[in-house]
Amino acid sequence: MSLQNNIDAKNEIVKQIFSKNPKFQRVSEDLSSSWIELSGYSHDRKYISVNNPKIDRVDFLAFDCDHEDYNYIPGRLAKPIYSAISNLTGRHHKGYILDVSVLTGENARRKPIEYLAKVQRVLTRELDADRNYVGSLTKNPMHPEWNVFVFPDAKPVRLGDFSAYFEEEKQRNFRDKFILKESFGYSRNCDLFDNTRHWRYRYTSASLAETISYADSINSLFAIPLSASEIRATARSIDKWVNTKYQGNGPRYTKRASKDDNDLKSLENALNQIEKQKLRKTPDIIAYLAGFSRDRLYRLTKKHGISI
């Protein structure tokens, strides 16, 4: 498909981009400042954020390519939906839509975020894109400033489609400050989380404020630091996990007893009481004395190989 700047091509792109229907977008005219507005008012803005800025979720990946190969996709790499190209320089943004959204907030699962970061690194490398591009604002394909190239047969991508490229990803030493300087995109979130959590595991009695301070020191090593809100969210998540799993005030906490540990202790006390009082050792009596249900007794003894 040839290079286009017509309304039909742009409408098709916008239809695909907004298939996730973000209600709000961050917009800008010159990148010196930005603001959030309803999507219906953002079509005429020069730059837009396709991911909803009010939700910690990624539906879209954009890549800033400082070269003129707007229609070149190397090898077996998945095709983007479009390229939005500068009329003056030929530099462009390539846009991918994810088949399944990835949550990135404080309570999000880490594995999908790590997978997303790997995919972003692969695409940045293969597309020869700018690693310092944050991706929060991208060229609006509806704006007359940009030409649009639509990739034939392109469709939303699955993160799993890039697994063949992951073997080429080198093992990374997350504690190396020089490696941290090379972090970009969502890799920064993963590197920040991993560095901070490993530090907190060593200093489990550290306060939330100390955890935030350490996370901020790691963030300062990134070429493009994360926002203060992302630092606080990561630190709170780690602090919450540590305080759930550990207890005490010493230099190292005492690990909290799990539910199984508590129930096994109750079971031991119940069996001792039955033996001492010469009671019938039936599942109903054991469960009653232990303080939990017969089903719980069955699951507990089966899990730990206990014969009663």
Protein backbone atom coordinates (compact mmCIF):
# COMPACT_ATOMS: atom_id res chain seq x y z
CA MET A 1 0.00 0.00 0.00
CA SER A 2 1.39 3.40 -0.95
CA LEU A 3 2.07 6.38 1.27
CA GLN A 4 -1.17 8.21 1.97
CA ASN A 5 -2.47 11.37 3.51
CA ASN A 6 -6.16 10.87 2.79
CA ILE A 7 -9.04 10.78 5.22
CA ASP A 8 -10.15 7.20 4.39
CA ALA A 9 -6.77 5.70 5.28
CA LYS A 10 -6.55 7.74 8.46
CA ASN A 11 -10.09 6.83 9.50
CA GLU A 12 -9.24 3.14 9.14
CA ILE A 13 -6.19 3.59 11.35
CA VAL A 14 -8.11 5.51 13.98
CA LYS A 15 -10.81 2.82 13.99
CA GLN A 16 -8.18 0.20 14.84
CA ILE A 17 -6.31 2.37 17.32
CA PHE A 18 -9.43 3.20 19.28
CA SER A 19 -10.79 -0.35 19.26
CA LYS A 20 -9.85 -0.41 22.95
CA ASN A 21 -11.91 2.77 23.32
CA PRO A 22 -9.82 4.92 25.66
CA LYS A 23 -12.10 7.59 27.10
CA PHE A 24 -9.29 9.99 27.91
CA GLN A 25 -6.05 10.87 26.17
CA ARG A 26 -3.01 12.94 26.94
CA VAL A 27 -2.46 15.37 24.07
CA SER A 28 0.04 17.98 22.94
CA GLU A 29 0.69 20.37 20.09
CA ASP A 30 4.46 20.86 20.37
CA LEU A 31 5.64 18.43 23.13
CA SER A 32 6.62 21.36 25.36
CA SER A 33 3.47 20.76 27.42
CA SER A 34 0.63 18.25 27.50
CA TRP A 35 -2.81 17.84 29.07
CA ILE A 36 -5.57 15.25 29.38
CA GLU A 37 -8.86 15.60 27.55
CA LEU A 38 -11.76 13.47 26.34
CA SER A 39 -10.94 11.34 23.30
CA GLY A 40 -13.62 12.99 21.20
CA TYR A 41 -11.74 16.27 21.31
CA SER A 42 -8.28 14.88 20.66
CA HIS A 43 -8.45 13.93 16.97
CA ASP A 44 -7.15 17.34 15.88
CA ARG A 45 -4.17 17.33 18.23
CA LYS A 46 -0.70 16.85 16.77
CA TYR A 47 0.37 14.33 19.41
CA ILE A 48 -1.78 11.92 21.40
CA SER A 49 -1.43 9.10 23.92
CA VAL A 50 -3.38 6.11 22.73
CA ASN A 51 -3.12 4.37 26.11
CA ASN A 52 -5.59 5.82 28.57
CA PRO A 53 -3.53 8.09 30.90
CA LYS A 54 -5.98 7.53 33.77
CA ILE A 55 -5.65 3.73 33.77
CA ASP A 56 -2.50 1.69 34.50
CA ARG A 57 -2.92 -0.45 31.41
CA VAL A 58 -1.07 -0.84 28.11
CA ASP A 59 -3.04 -1.49 24.93
CA PHE A 60 -0.68 0.13 22.46
CA LEU A 61 3.07 0.35 21.80
CA ALA A 62 4.62 3.16 19.76
CA PHE A 63 8.20 3.43 18.48
CA ASP A 64 10.04 6.56 17.39
CA CYS A 65 12.17 5.78 14.34
CA ASP A 66 14.70 8.44 13.39
CA HIS A 67 15.18 7.10 9.88
CA GLU A 68 13.17 7.08 6.65
CA ASP A 69 12.42 3.34 6.34
CA TYR A 70 8.78 3.76 7.31
CA ASN A 71 7.59 0.65 5.44
CA TYR A 72 10.46 -1.72 6.23
CA ILE A 73 9.89 -4.52 8.74
CA PRO A 74 12.83 -6.92 9.17
CA GLY A 75 12.45 -10.66 8.68
CA ARG A 76 9.58 -12.40 10.41
CA LEU A 77 8.84 -9.51 12.77
CA ALA A 78 5.15 -8.78 13.30
CA LYS A 79 3.86 -5.81 11.34
CA PRO A 80 2.72 -2.63 13.05
CA ILE A 81 -0.69 -1.20 12.18
CA TYR A 82 0.72 1.95 10.62
CA SER A 83 3.57 4.44 10.34
CA ALA A 84 2.88 8.15 10.90
CA ILE A 85 5.57 9.98 8.92
CA SER A 86 6.88 13.53 9.03
CA ASN A 87 6.34 15.36 5.73
CA LEU A 88 9.65 17.16 6.19
CA THR A 89 12.14 14.56 7.46
CA GLY A 90 10.64 11.12 6.82
CA ARG A 91 11.10 10.25 10.47
CA HIS A 92 8.13 8.37 11.80
CA HIS A 93 6.32 6.56 14.58
CA LYS A 94 5.29 2.94 14.15
CA GLY A 95 2.24 1.81 16.12
CA TYR A 96 1.36 -1.66 17.43
CA ILE A 97 -1.92 -2.67 19.08
CA LEU A 98 -1.77 -5.45 21.68
CA ASP A 99 -4.21 -8.33 21.36
CA VAL A 100 -4.49 -8.53 25.17
CA SER A 101 -4.04 -5.56 27.49
CA VAL A 102 -1.25 -5.57 30.08
CA LEU A 103 -1.92 -4.10 33.51
CA THR A 104 0.96 -2.09 34.97
CA GLY A 105 -0.39 -0.68 38.25
CA GLU A 106 0.65 -1.30 41.83
CA ASN A 107 -1.30 -4.57 42.12
CA ALA A 108 -0.51 -5.87 38.63
CA ARG A 109 1.22 -9.22 38.11
CA ARG A 110 4.95 -8.85 37.43
CA LYS A 111 5.32 -11.57 34.79
CA PRO A 112 3.17 -9.88 32.09
CA ILE A 113 5.02 -6.58 32.68
CA GLU A 114 8.38 -8.35 32.33
CA TYR A 115 7.15 -9.99 29.15
CA LEU A 116 5.94 -6.64 27.81
CA ALA A 117 9.35 -5.11 28.59
CA LYS A 118 11.08 -7.89 26.64
CA VAL A 119 8.80 -7.35 23.65
CA GLN A 120 9.44 -3.61 23.77
CA ARG A 121 13.22 -4.20 23.81
CA VAL A 122 12.97 -6.61 20.86
CA LEU A 123 10.88 -4.20 18.77
CA THR A 124 13.09 -1.23 19.64
CA ARG A 125 16.15 -3.16 18.50
CA GLU A 126 14.64 -4.68 15.37
CA LEU A 127 12.98 -1.44 14.21
CA ASP A 128 16.12 0.59 14.98
CA ALA A 129 13.97 2.86 17.14
CA ASP A 130 15.00 5.50 19.67
CA ARG A 131 15.57 3.84 23.08
CA ASN A 132 15.05 7.14 24.89
CA TYR A 133 11.55 7.55 23.50
CA VAL A 134 9.15 7.23 26.45
CA GLY A 135 6.12 6.38 24.31
CA SER A 136 3.55 8.40 26.26
CA LEU A 137 2.83 10.64 23.24
CA THR A 138 2.84 9.58 19.62
CA LYS A 139 2.17 11.23 16.27
CA ASN A 140 -1.57 11.45 15.74
CA PRO A 141 -2.30 9.76 12.37
CA MET A 142 -5.35 11.99 11.93
CA HIS A 143 -3.28 15.18 11.93
CA PRO A 144 -2.38 16.72 8.52
CA GLU A 145 1.23 17.18 9.66
CA TRP A 146 1.81 13.46 9.15
CA ASN A 147 1.55 11.14 6.17
CA VAL A 148 0.29 7.64 6.93
CA PHE A 149 1.43 4.27 5.69
CA VAL A 150 -0.99 1.43 6.41
CA PHE A 151 0.55 -2.05 6.63
CA PRO A 152 -1.48 -4.63 4.69
CA ASP A 153 -2.90 -7.52 6.74
CA ALA A 154 -1.53 -6.08 9.99
CA LYS A 155 -3.46 -7.05 13.11
CA PRO A 156 -3.15 -6.73 16.90
CA VAL A 157 -0.11 -8.64 18.14
CA ARG A 158 0.22 -11.26 20.84
CA LEU A 159 3.19 -10.91 23.17
CA GLY A 160 3.84 -14.63 22.74
CA ASP A 161 4.51 -14.07 19.03
CA PHE A 162 7.90 -12.62 19.96
CA SER A 163 9.16 -15.56 22.04
CA ALA A 164 11.56 -16.64 19.28
CA TYR A 165 13.44 -13.38 19.74
CA PHE A 166 13.88 -13.77 23.48
CA GLU A 167 16.78 -16.20 23.12
CA GLU A 168 18.75 -13.27 21.76
CA GLU A 169 18.08 -11.26 24.93
CA LYS A 170 21.20 -11.38 27.08
CA GLN A 171 20.99 -12.18 30.77
CA ARG A 172 20.95 -8.87 32.59
CA ASN A 173 22.68 -8.01 35.87
CA PHE A 174 20.00 -5.86 37.50
CA ARG A 175 22.38 -4.60 40.18
CA ASP A 176 24.92 -3.15 37.76
CA LYS A 177 24.53 0.62 37.61
CA PHE A 178 25.97 0.70 34.11
CA ILE A 179 23.35 -1.79 32.91
CA LEU A 180 20.67 0.29 34.61
CA LYS A 181 21.70 3.27 32.51
CA GLU A 182 20.78 1.18 29.46
CA SER A 183 17.24 0.52 30.72
CA PHE A 184 14.42 2.09 28.74
CA GLY A 185 10.66 1.80 28.34
CA TYR A 186 8.96 -0.78 30.52
CA SER A 187 12.34 -2.37 31.29
CA ARG A 188 12.85 0.49 33.74
CA ASN A 189 9.79 -0.62 35.74
CA CYS A 190 11.10 -4.19 35.92
CA ASP A 191 14.65 -3.13 36.80
CA LEU A 192 13.40 -0.73 39.47
CA PHE A 193 11.19 -3.42 40.99
CA ASP A 194 13.90 -6.08 41.00
CA ASN A 195 16.61 -3.85 42.46
CA THR A 196 14.37 -2.42 45.16
CA ARG A 197 12.84 -5.73 46.21
CA HIS A 198 16.23 -7.44 46.54
CA TRP A 199 17.44 -4.56 48.71
CA ARG A 200 14.29 -4.73 50.85
CA TYR A 201 14.67 -8.50 51.30
CA ARG A 202 18.03 -7.78 52.95
CA TYR A 203 16.63 -4.95 55.07
CA THR A 204 13.14 -6.19 55.88
CA SER A 205 12.71 -3.82 58.81
CA ALA A 206 13.18 -0.77 56.57
CA SER A 207 10.29 1.71 56.52
CA LEU A 208 8.19 2.67 53.51
CA ALA A 209 9.96 6.04 53.39
CA GLU A 210 13.36 4.29 53.26
CA THR A 211 12.10 1.97 50.53
CA ILE A 212 10.89 4.93 48.47
CA SER A 213 14.24 6.65 49.00
CA TYR A 214 16.17 3.59 47.80
CA ALA A 215 13.85 3.18 44.79
CA ASP A 216 14.41 6.84 43.95
CA SER A 217 18.19 6.33 44.03
CA ILE A 218 17.83 3.46 41.53
CA ASN A 219 15.53 5.56 39.36
CA SER A 220 18.18 8.30 39.20
CA LEU A 221 20.47 5.88 37.31
CA PHE A 222 18.06 5.59 34.38
CA ALA A 223 18.78 7.77 31.36
CA ILE A 224 15.07 8.65 31.33
CA PRO A 225 13.80 8.36 34.94
CA LEU A 226 10.34 7.15 35.84
CA SER A 227 7.79 9.49 37.40
CA ALA A 228 7.55 10.02 41.16
CA SER A 229 4.15 8.32 41.23
CA GLU A 230 5.61 5.16 39.65
CA ILE A 231 8.42 5.16 42.23
CA ARG A 232 5.94 5.41 45.11
CA ALA A 233 3.66 2.73 43.65
CA THR A 234 6.55 0.28 43.24
CA ALA A 235 7.87 0.95 46.75
CA ARG A 236 4.39 0.57 48.30
CA SER A 237 3.88 -2.75 46.52
CA ILE A 238 7.19 -4.12 47.83
CA ASP A 239 6.61 -2.73 51.32
CA LYS A 240 3.15 -4.30 51.47
CA TRP A 241 4.46 -7.71 50.39
CA VAL A 242 7.33 -7.70 52.90
CA ASN A 243 5.06 -6.64 55.77
CA THR A 244 2.61 -9.40 54.82
CA LYS A 245 5.29 -12.10 54.81
CA TYR A 246 7.47 -10.93 57.70
CA GLN A 247 7.03 -9.57 61.19
CA GLY A 248 9.20 -8.10 63.97
CA ASN A 249 11.49 -5.15 64.51
CA GLY A 250 14.98 -6.60 64.32
CA PRO A 251 17.56 -6.18 61.56
CA ARG A 252 15.85 -9.09 59.83
CA TYR A 253 12.19 -9.87 60.35
CA THR A 254 10.88 -13.24 61.45
CA LYS A 255 8.92 -14.86 58.67
CA ARG A 256 5.21 -14.91 59.41
CA ALA A 257 3.68 -18.31 59.96
CA SER A 258 1.56 -19.46 57.03
CA LYS A 259 -2.00 -20.72 57.41
CA ASP A 260 -0.71 -24.27 57.00
CA ASP A 261 1.84 -23.73 59.78
CA ASN A 262 -0.87 -22.53 62.15
CA ASP A 263 -3.28 -25.34 61.23
CA LEU A 264 -0.58 -28.00 61.55
CA LYS A 265 0.15 -26.73 65.05
CA SER A 266 -3.57 -26.88 65.87
CA LEU A 267 -3.75 -30.41 64.48
CA GLU A 268 -0.80 -31.48 66.64
CA ASN A 269 -2.46 -30.03 69.74
CA ALA A 270 -5.75 -31.77 68.85
CA LEU A 271 -4.05 -35.17 68.46
CA ASN A 272 -2.20 -34.69 71.76
CA GLN A 273 -5.49 -33.84 73.48
CA ILE A 274 -7.20 -36.93 72.03
CA GLU A 275 -4.37 -39.15 73.18
CA LYS A 276 -4.25 -37.58 76.62
CA GLN A 277 -8.01 -37.81 77.19
CA LYS A 278 -8.29 -41.18 75.42
CA LEU A 279 -10.95 -39.89 73.01
CA ARG A 280 -12.01 -41.58 69.79
CA LYS A 281 -9.74 -40.44 66.97
CA THR A 282 -12.33 -39.75 64.28
CA PRO A 283 -12.03 -37.04 61.58
CA ASP A 284 -15.00 -35.15 63.07
CA ILE A 285 -13.48 -35.04 66.56
CA ILE A 286 -10.01 -34.15 65.27
CA ALA A 287 -11.36 -31.32 63.12
CA TYR A 288 -13.54 -30.03 65.99
CA LEU A 289 -10.65 -29.91 68.45
CA ALA A 290 -8.31 -28.39 65.85
CA GLY A 291 -10.82 -25.65 65.10
CA PHE A 292 -11.34 -26.14 61.39
CA SER A 293 -13.61 -28.10 59.06
CA ARG A 294 -13.36 -31.75 58.13
CA ASP A 295 -12.64 -30.74 54.51
CA ARG A 296 -9.74 -28.62 55.71
CA LEU A 297 -8.46 -31.58 57.74
CA TYR A 298 -8.59 -33.80 54.65
CA ARG A 299 -6.75 -31.27 52.46
CA LEU A 300 -4.13 -30.56 55.11
CA THR A 301 -3.29 -34.20 55.83
CA LYS A 302 -3.21 -35.08 52.14
CA LYS A 303 -0.97 -32.13 51.28
CA HIS A 304 1.56 -32.88 54.02
CA GLY A 305 1.34 -36.69 53.90
CA ILE A 306 -0.01 -37.05 57.44
CA SER A 307 -1.70 -40.30 58.43
CA ILE A 308 -4.28 -40.11 61.21
